[in-house]
Amino acid sequence: MAINGILAFFSEENFHKLQSIMYVKHAEKGDYLFWEGDVADKLYYVMKGGVRITKLSETGKSFILSLHQTGDLFGQIDPFQNSVQSYSAEVTEDCEIGVIQRKDLEVLLWQHGDLAIEFMKWMGLMHRMTETKFRDLMMYGKPGALCSLLIRLSNSYGVPNGEHTLINYKINHTEMADMIGATRESVNRMLSDMKKEDALEIQNGHIVIKDLTYLRDVCHCENCPKEICRM
């Protein structure tokens, strides 16, 4: 299980309590777990596979808000009973998903106060992750947003590659552009500049981070914990 998954926030005992109310859903690459506008009454735990969260703008452009992998819990549980999804969830690789229904979760949280406290901490951390992503997008321009994205990808999917870090997740320039609200051409140009600065390189379609300090300087990195600074 991923170290950055929900076991970073829930005790093993409370995680098993959450597992007890899950039912398993299988989904294939290209499927959608839910669409923007659907009823928001479930949480989703990635038992195996990958999911990306997307949002459609008024002009029809799709933005990628986050990526989820094995061990992640995600979903929208609002205090309003009739709330709807603010985004869509697309399966990026064949998945096994543990689905938690809101009504079952509410009973469990009412029964176990320690679980309720941990759940509140998890929700708070999810909100902070979202806030830091928007901060990076708004305050330091497209280069800062791209550097922040590369750092988050490194924290989520990075593996040692000699003295450097290889991002073990193939992502193309269009997808990166969709994550920072830029064009593919501008991402191409910014990545080329980073290569010239010897901050990164491409190996077999994978990005290798060679100079993390360079990326941190561009996006004014605040050295947030990896539980927050991730996809």
C-alpha atoms as a PDB file:
ATOM      1  CA  MET A   1       0.000   0.000   0.000  1.00  0.00           C
ATOM      2  CA  ALA A   2       1.275   3.447  -0.871  1.00  0.00           C
ATOM      3  CA  ILE A   3       2.939   5.232   2.036  1.00  0.00           C
ATOM      4  CA  ASN A   4       1.081   8.378   0.973  1.00  0.00           C
ATOM      5  CA  GLY A   5      -2.260   6.576   0.968  1.00  0.00           C
ATOM      6  CA  ILE A   6      -4.857   6.847   3.687  1.00  0.00           C
ATOM      7  CA  LEU A   7      -2.789   4.803   6.151  1.00  0.00           C
ATOM      8  CA  ALA A   8      -0.763   8.005   6.500  1.00  0.00           C
ATOM      9  CA  PHE A   9      -3.851   9.480   8.203  1.00  0.00           C
ATOM     10  CA  PHE A  10      -5.843   6.552   9.634  1.00  0.00           C
ATOM     11  CA  SER A  11      -4.756   3.984  12.173  1.00  0.00           C
ATOM     12  CA  GLU A  12      -4.752   0.412  10.930  1.00  0.00           C
ATOM     13  CA  GLU A  13      -7.701  -0.379  13.209  1.00  0.00           C
ATOM     14  CA  ASN A  14      -9.789   2.494  11.867  1.00  0.00           C
ATOM     15  CA  PHE A  15      -8.809   1.689   8.296  1.00  0.00           C
ATOM     16  CA  HIS A  16     -10.221  -1.812   8.804  1.00  0.00           C
ATOM     17  CA  LYS A  17     -13.456  -0.223  10.035  1.00  0.00           C
ATOM     18  CA  LEU A  18     -13.651   1.734   6.786  1.00  0.00           C
ATOM     19  CA  GLN A  19     -12.946  -1.435   4.821  1.00  0.00           C
ATOM     20  CA  SER A  20     -15.851  -3.156   6.559  1.00  0.00           C
ATOM     21  CA  ILE A  21     -18.378  -0.825   4.893  1.00  0.00           C
ATOM     22  CA  MET A  22     -16.807  -0.864   1.411  1.00  0.00           C
ATOM     23  CA  TYR A  23     -18.176  -2.768  -1.538  1.00  0.00           C
ATOM     24  CA  VAL A  24     -15.840  -3.540  -4.431  1.00  0.00           C
ATOM     25  CA  LYS A  25     -16.352  -2.071  -7.890  1.00  0.00           C
ATOM     26  CA  HIS A  26     -14.261  -3.071 -10.922  1.00  0.00           C
ATOM     27  CA  ALA A  27     -13.606  -0.508 -13.649  1.00  0.00           C
ATOM     28  CA  GLU A  28     -11.601  -0.596 -16.865  1.00  0.00           C
ATOM     29  CA  LYS A  29      -9.319   2.040 -18.322  1.00  0.00           C
ATOM     30  CA  GLY A  30     -11.427   4.761 -19.920  1.00  0.00           C
ATOM     31  CA  ASP A  31     -14.445   4.172 -17.664  1.00  0.00           C
ATOM     32  CA  TYR A  32     -15.828   6.941 -15.451  1.00  0.00           C
ATOM     33  CA  LEU A  33     -16.615   6.314 -11.791  1.00  0.00           C
ATOM     34  CA  PHE A  34     -18.824   9.394 -11.803  1.00  0.00           C
ATOM     35  CA  TRP A  35     -19.470  12.510 -13.855  1.00  0.00           C
ATOM     36  CA  GLU A  36     -19.607  16.159 -12.897  1.00  0.00           C
ATOM     37  CA  GLY A  37     -23.194  16.824 -11.784  1.00  0.00           C
ATOM     38  CA  ASP A  38     -23.858  13.303 -10.434  1.00  0.00           C
ATOM     39  CA  VAL A  39     -25.070  12.943  -6.851  1.00  0.00           C
ATOM     40  CA  ALA A  40     -22.124  13.238  -4.424  1.00  0.00           C
ATOM     41  CA  ASP A  41     -22.888  10.541  -1.867  1.00  0.00           C
ATOM     42  CA  LYS A  42     -19.873   8.202  -1.977  1.00  0.00           C
ATOM     43  CA  LEU A  43     -16.149   7.985  -1.247  1.00  0.00           C
ATOM     44  CA  TYR A  44     -13.793   5.875  -3.346  1.00  0.00           C
ATOM     45  CA  TYR A  45     -10.741   3.919  -2.175  1.00  0.00           C
ATOM     46  CA  VAL A  46      -8.280   2.814  -4.870  1.00  0.00           C
ATOM     47  CA  MET A  47      -7.448  -0.810  -4.061  1.00  0.00           C
ATOM     48  CA  LYS A  48      -5.604  -1.223  -7.354  1.00  0.00           C
ATOM     49  CA  GLY A  49      -5.167   0.972 -10.432  1.00  0.00           C
ATOM     50  CA  GLY A  50      -5.301   4.687 -11.162  1.00  0.00           C
ATOM     51  CA  VAL A  51      -7.898   7.467 -11.444  1.00  0.00           C
ATOM     52  CA  ARG A  52      -7.669  11.073 -12.548  1.00  0.00           C
ATOM     53  CA  ILE A  53     -10.010  13.860 -11.497  1.00  0.00           C
ATOM     54  CA  THR A  54     -11.058  16.256 -14.246  1.00  0.00           C
ATOM     55  CA  LYS A  55     -13.170  19.401 -14.501  1.00  0.00           C
ATOM     56  CA  LEU A  56     -14.772  20.850 -17.605  1.00  0.00           C
ATOM     57  CA  SER A  57     -14.635  24.621 -18.140  1.00  0.00           C
ATOM     58  CA  GLU A  58     -17.426  26.679 -19.645  1.00  0.00           C
ATOM     59  CA  THR A  59     -15.490  26.719 -22.939  1.00  0.00           C
ATOM     60  CA  GLY A  60     -15.347  22.908 -23.009  1.00  0.00           C
ATOM     61  CA  LYS A  61     -11.674  22.590 -22.014  1.00  0.00           C
ATOM     62  CA  SER A  62     -10.882  19.758 -19.613  1.00  0.00           C
ATOM     63  CA  PHE A  63      -8.552  20.400 -16.670  1.00  0.00           C
ATOM     64  CA  ILE A  64      -6.844  17.614 -14.721  1.00  0.00           C
ATOM     65  CA  LEU A  65      -7.128  18.441 -11.009  1.00  0.00           C
ATOM     66  CA  SER A  66      -5.452  15.414  -9.434  1.00  0.00           C
ATOM     67  CA  LEU A  67      -4.198  11.864  -9.943  1.00  0.00           C
ATOM     68  CA  HIS A  68      -5.000   9.002  -7.574  1.00  0.00           C
ATOM     69  CA  GLN A  69      -3.174   5.713  -7.200  1.00  0.00           C
ATOM     70  CA  THR A  70      -3.309   2.555  -5.099  1.00  0.00           C
ATOM     71  CA  GLY A  71      -3.953   3.436  -1.461  1.00  0.00           C
ATOM     72  CA  ASP A  72      -5.724   6.747  -2.090  1.00  0.00           C
ATOM     73  CA  LEU A  73      -9.156   7.697  -0.793  1.00  0.00           C
ATOM     74  CA  PHE A  74     -11.073  10.411  -2.629  1.00  0.00           C
ATOM     75  CA  GLY A  75     -14.550  11.772  -3.156  1.00  0.00           C
ATOM     76  CA  GLN A  76     -16.813  14.655  -2.286  1.00  0.00           C
ATOM     77  CA  ILE A  77     -18.779  14.507   0.946  1.00  0.00           C
ATOM     78  CA  ASP A  78     -20.420  17.876   1.633  1.00  0.00           C
ATOM     79  CA  PRO A  79     -22.539  18.850   4.648  1.00  0.00           C
ATOM     80  CA  PHE A  80     -25.467  19.277   2.265  1.00  0.00           C
ATOM     81  CA  GLN A  81     -27.570  16.190   1.598  1.00  0.00           C
ATOM     82  CA  ASN A  82     -28.338  17.023  -2.039  1.00  0.00           C
ATOM     83  CA  SER A  83     -24.854  18.057  -3.197  1.00  0.00           C
ATOM     84  CA  VAL A  84     -23.541  17.041  -6.621  1.00  0.00           C
ATOM     85  CA  GLN A  85     -20.091  16.197  -7.919  1.00  0.00           C
ATOM     86  CA  SER A  86     -17.973  19.205  -8.877  1.00  0.00           C
ATOM     87  CA  TYR A  87     -15.735  17.092 -11.114  1.00  0.00           C
ATOM     88  CA  SER A  88     -15.495  13.773 -12.968  1.00  0.00           C
ATOM     89  CA  ALA A  89     -13.381  10.694 -12.148  1.00  0.00           C
ATOM     90  CA  GLU A  90     -11.797   8.892 -15.120  1.00  0.00           C
ATOM     91  CA  VAL A  91     -10.087   5.513 -14.751  1.00  0.00           C
ATOM     92  CA  THR A  92      -6.546   5.668 -16.183  1.00  0.00           C
ATOM     93  CA  GLU A  93      -5.695   2.000 -15.615  1.00  0.00           C
ATOM     94  CA  ASP A  94      -7.857  -1.004 -14.756  1.00  0.00           C
ATOM     95  CA  CYS A  95      -9.096  -0.561 -11.191  1.00  0.00           C
ATOM     96  CA  GLU A  96     -10.507  -2.249  -8.145  1.00  0.00           C
ATOM     97  CA  ILE A  97     -12.331   0.410  -6.154  1.00  0.00           C
ATOM     98  CA  GLY A  98     -13.713   0.196  -2.643  1.00  0.00           C
ATOM     99  CA  VAL A  99     -16.888   2.282  -2.564  1.00  0.00           C
ATOM    100  CA  ILE A 100     -18.140   3.800   0.707  1.00  0.00           C
ATOM    101  CA  GLN A 101     -21.715   5.058   0.772  1.00  0.00           C
ATOM    102  CA  ARG A 102     -22.391   8.242   2.697  1.00  0.00           C
ATOM    103  CA  LYS A 103     -25.161   6.735   4.857  1.00  0.00           C
ATOM    104  CA  ASP A 104     -22.885   3.867   5.986  1.00  0.00           C
ATOM    105  CA  LEU A 105     -20.018   6.270   6.699  1.00  0.00           C
ATOM    106  CA  GLU A 106     -22.211   8.530   8.822  1.00  0.00           C
ATOM    107  CA  VAL A 107     -23.268   5.591  11.025  1.00  0.00           C
ATOM    108  CA  LEU A 108     -19.642   4.463  11.407  1.00  0.00           C
ATOM    109  CA  LEU A 109     -18.421   7.947  12.350  1.00  0.00           C
ATOM    110  CA  TRP A 110     -21.255   8.302  14.870  1.00  0.00           C
ATOM    111  CA  GLN A 111     -20.271   4.987  16.482  1.00  0.00           C
ATOM    112  CA  HIS A 112     -16.503   5.616  16.659  1.00  0.00           C
ATOM    113  CA  GLY A 113     -15.334   9.033  17.835  1.00  0.00           C
ATOM    114  CA  ASP A 114     -11.636   8.290  17.249  1.00  0.00           C
ATOM    115  CA  LEU A 115     -12.381   7.429  13.615  1.00  0.00           C
ATOM    116  CA  ALA A 116     -14.416  10.632  13.272  1.00  0.00           C
ATOM    117  CA  ILE A 117     -11.428  12.698  14.461  1.00  0.00           C
ATOM    118  CA  GLU A 118      -9.077  10.985  12.006  1.00  0.00           C
ATOM    119  CA  PHE A 119     -11.607  11.453   9.222  1.00  0.00           C
ATOM    120  CA  MET A 120     -11.820  15.192   9.982  1.00  0.00           C
ATOM    121  CA  LYS A 121      -8.013  15.427   9.827  1.00  0.00           C
ATOM    122  CA  TRP A 122      -8.007  13.631   6.466  1.00  0.00           C
ATOM    123  CA  MET A 123     -10.662  16.001   5.079  1.00  0.00           C
ATOM    124  CA  GLY A 124      -8.714  19.011   6.318  1.00  0.00           C
ATOM    125  CA  LEU A 125      -5.572  17.763   4.638  1.00  0.00           C
ATOM    126  CA  MET A 126      -7.419  17.207   1.347  1.00  0.00           C
ATOM    127  CA  HIS A 127      -8.634  20.821   1.453  1.00  0.00           C
ATOM    128  CA  ARG A 128      -5.109  22.031   2.170  1.00  0.00           C
ATOM    129  CA  MET A 129      -3.760  20.052  -0.809  1.00  0.00           C
ATOM    130  CA  THR A 130      -6.311  21.765  -3.046  1.00  0.00           C
ATOM    131  CA  GLU A 131      -5.470  25.184  -1.642  1.00  0.00           C
ATOM    132  CA  THR A 132      -1.728  24.755  -2.222  1.00  0.00           C
ATOM    133  CA  LYS A 133      -2.339  23.678  -5.836  1.00  0.00           C
ATOM    134  CA  PHE A 134      -4.365  26.814  -6.522  1.00  0.00           C
ATOM    135  CA  ARG A 135      -1.740  28.916  -4.732  1.00  0.00           C
ATOM    136  CA  ASP A 136       0.962  27.577  -7.038  1.00  0.00           C
ATOM    137  CA  LEU A 137      -1.190  28.201 -10.116  1.00  0.00           C
ATOM    138  CA  MET A 138      -2.129  31.754  -9.159  1.00  0.00           C
ATOM    139  CA  MET A 139       1.004  33.230  -7.581  1.00  0.00           C
ATOM    140  CA  TYR A 140       4.073  32.136  -9.537  1.00  0.00           C
ATOM    141  CA  GLY A 141       3.000  32.044 -13.180  1.00  0.00           C
ATOM    142  CA  LYS A 142       3.088  29.107 -15.551  1.00  0.00           C
ATOM    143  CA  PRO A 143       6.775  28.257 -14.908  1.00  0.00           C
ATOM    144  CA  GLY A 144       6.107  28.132 -11.163  1.00  0.00           C
ATOM    145  CA  ALA A 145       2.974  26.036 -11.689  1.00  0.00           C
ATOM    146  CA  LEU A 146       4.886  23.595 -13.921  1.00  0.00           C
ATOM    147  CA  CYS A 147       7.754  23.279 -11.431  1.00  0.00           C
ATOM    148  CA  SER A 148       5.240  22.683  -8.647  1.00  0.00           C
ATOM    149  CA  LEU A 149       3.551  20.012 -10.772  1.00  0.00           C
ATOM    150  CA  LEU A 150       6.876  18.253 -11.388  1.00  0.00           C
ATOM    151  CA  ILE A 151       7.652  18.278  -7.659  1.00  0.00           C
ATOM    152  CA  ARG A 152       4.216  16.816  -6.868  1.00  0.00           C
ATOM    153  CA  LEU A 153       4.656  14.120  -9.533  1.00  0.00           C
ATOM    154  CA  SER A 154       8.073  13.320  -8.068  1.00  0.00           C
ATOM    155  CA  ASN A 155       6.615  12.993  -4.559  1.00  0.00           C
ATOM    156  CA  SER A 156       3.769  10.778  -5.810  1.00  0.00           C
ATOM    157  CA  TYR A 157       5.515   8.636  -8.427  1.00  0.00           C
ATOM    158  CA  GLY A 158       9.235   9.259  -7.977  1.00  0.00           C
ATOM    159  CA  VAL A 159      11.734   6.378  -7.808  1.00  0.00           C
ATOM    160  CA  PRO A 160      15.538   6.614  -7.377  1.00  0.00           C
ATOM    161  CA  ASN A 161      17.485   6.802 -10.627  1.00  0.00           C
ATOM    162  CA  GLY A 162      21.114   6.988  -9.608  1.00  0.00           C
ATOM    163  CA  GLU A 163      21.568  10.399  -8.012  1.00  0.00           C
ATOM    164  CA  HIS A 164      18.344  11.649  -9.583  1.00  0.00           C
ATOM    165  CA  THR A 165      14.607  10.880  -9.390  1.00  0.00           C
ATOM    166  CA  LEU A 166      12.634   9.252 -12.192  1.00  0.00           C
ATOM    167  CA  ILE A 167       8.893   9.962 -12.331  1.00  0.00           C
ATOM    168  CA  ASN A 168       7.465   6.486 -12.842  1.00  0.00           C
ATOM    169  CA  TYR A 169       4.328   7.770 -14.523  1.00  0.00           C
ATOM    170  CA  LYS A 170       4.194   8.509 -18.230  1.00  0.00           C
ATOM    171  CA  ILE A 171       2.626  11.899 -18.782  1.00  0.00           C
ATOM    172  CA  ASN A 172       2.576  13.813 -22.040  1.00  0.00           C
ATOM    173  CA  HIS A 173       2.858  17.544 -22.581  1.00  0.00           C
ATOM    174  CA  THR A 174      -0.856  17.942 -23.284  1.00  0.00           C
ATOM    175  CA  GLU A 175      -1.758  16.353 -19.935  1.00  0.00           C
ATOM    176  CA  MET A 176       0.700  18.613 -18.109  1.00  0.00           C
ATOM    177  CA  ALA A 177      -0.811  21.612 -19.876  1.00  0.00           C
ATOM    178  CA  ASP A 178      -4.276  20.501 -18.733  1.00  0.00           C
ATOM    179  CA  MET A 179      -2.996  20.373 -15.151  1.00  0.00           C
ATOM    180  CA  ILE A 180      -1.686  23.931 -15.040  1.00  0.00           C
ATOM    181  CA  GLY A 181      -4.087  25.704 -17.400  1.00  0.00           C
ATOM    182  CA  ALA A 182      -1.459  26.259 -20.101  1.00  0.00           C
ATOM    183  CA  THR A 183      -1.029  25.322 -23.758  1.00  0.00           C
ATOM    184  CA  ARG A 184       0.964  22.325 -24.940  1.00  0.00           C
ATOM    185  CA  GLU A 185       3.320  24.652 -26.810  1.00  0.00           C
ATOM    186  CA  SER A 186       4.123  26.675 -23.675  1.00  0.00           C
ATOM    187  CA  VAL A 187       4.793  23.471 -21.724  1.00  0.00           C
ATOM    188  CA  ASN A 188       7.135  22.310 -24.496  1.00  0.00           C
ATOM    189  CA  ARG A 189       9.001  25.603 -24.298  1.00  0.00           C
ATOM    190  CA  MET A 190       9.267  25.593 -20.488  1.00  0.00           C
ATOM    191  CA  LEU A 191      10.503  21.995 -20.403  1.00  0.00           C
ATOM    192  CA  SER A 192      13.109  22.826 -23.047  1.00  0.00           C
ATOM    193  CA  ASP A 193      14.323  25.710 -20.875  1.00  0.00           C
ATOM    194  CA  MET A 194      14.590  23.361 -17.882  1.00  0.00           C
ATOM    195  CA  LYS A 195      16.588  20.873 -19.940  1.00  0.00           C
ATOM    196  CA  LYS A 196      19.010  23.652 -20.918  1.00  0.00           C
ATOM    197  CA  GLU A 197      19.412  24.458 -17.225  1.00  0.00           C
ATOM    198  CA  ASP A 198      20.122  20.734 -16.648  1.00  0.00           C
ATOM    199  CA  ALA A 199      17.214  20.568 -14.197  1.00  0.00           C
ATOM    200  CA  LEU A 200      15.633  17.552 -15.888  1.00  0.00           C
ATOM    201  CA  GLU A 201      15.890  15.123 -18.795  1.00  0.00           C
ATOM    202  CA  ILE A 202      13.634  12.650 -20.579  1.00  0.00           C
ATOM    203  CA  GLN A 203      14.423   8.912 -20.544  1.00  0.00           C
ATOM    204  CA  ASN A 204      12.208   6.547 -22.560  1.00  0.00           C
ATOM    205  CA  GLY A 205       9.232   8.857 -22.183  1.00  0.00           C
ATOM    206  CA  HIS A 206       9.752   9.368 -18.442  1.00  0.00           C
ATOM    207  CA  ILE A 207      10.808  12.632 -16.811  1.00  0.00           C
ATOM    208  CA  VAL A 208      13.954  12.481 -14.667  1.00  0.00           C
ATOM    209  CA  ILE A 209      14.416  15.241 -12.085  1.00  0.00           C
ATOM    210  CA  LYS A 210      18.092  16.169 -11.922  1.00  0.00           C
ATOM    211  CA  ASP A 211      17.977  19.405  -9.938  1.00  0.00           C
ATOM    212  CA  LEU A 212      15.140  19.568  -7.428  1.00  0.00           C
ATOM    213  CA  THR A 213      16.511  22.772  -5.918  1.00  0.00           C
ATOM    214  CA  TYR A 214      16.072  24.551  -9.258  1.00  0.00           C
ATOM    215  CA  LEU A 215      12.387  23.543  -9.379  1.00  0.00           C
ATOM    216  CA  ARG A 216      11.843  24.604  -5.768  1.00  0.00           C
ATOM    217  CA  ASP A 217      13.406  28.014  -6.380  1.00  0.00           C
ATOM    218  CA  VAL A 218      11.178  28.726  -9.387  1.00  0.00           C
ATOM    219  CA  CYS A 219       7.928  27.887  -7.544  1.00  0.00           C
ATOM    220  CA  HIS A 220       9.062  29.381  -4.211  1.00  0.00           C
ATOM    221  CA  CYS A 221       8.608  25.963  -2.588  1.00  0.00           C
ATOM    222  CA  GLU A 222       7.537  26.124   1.066  1.00  0.00           C
ATOM    223  CA  ASN A 223       8.753  22.559   1.741  1.00  0.00           C
ATOM    224  CA  CYS A 224       5.283  21.284   2.598  1.00  0.00           C
ATOM    225  CA  PRO A 225       5.106  17.700   3.904  1.00  0.00           C
ATOM    226  CA  LYS A 226       4.880  15.088   1.142  1.00  0.00           C
ATOM    227  CA  GLU A 227       1.400  14.154   2.409  1.00  0.00           C
ATOM    228  CA  ILE A 228       0.321  17.583   1.125  1.00  0.00           C
ATOM    229  CA  CYS A 229       2.699  18.163  -1.796  1.00  0.00           C
ATOM    230  CA  ARG A 230       1.468  15.348  -4.022  1.00  0.00           C
ATOM    231  CA  MET A 231      -0.964  14.668  -6.823  1.00  0.00           C
END
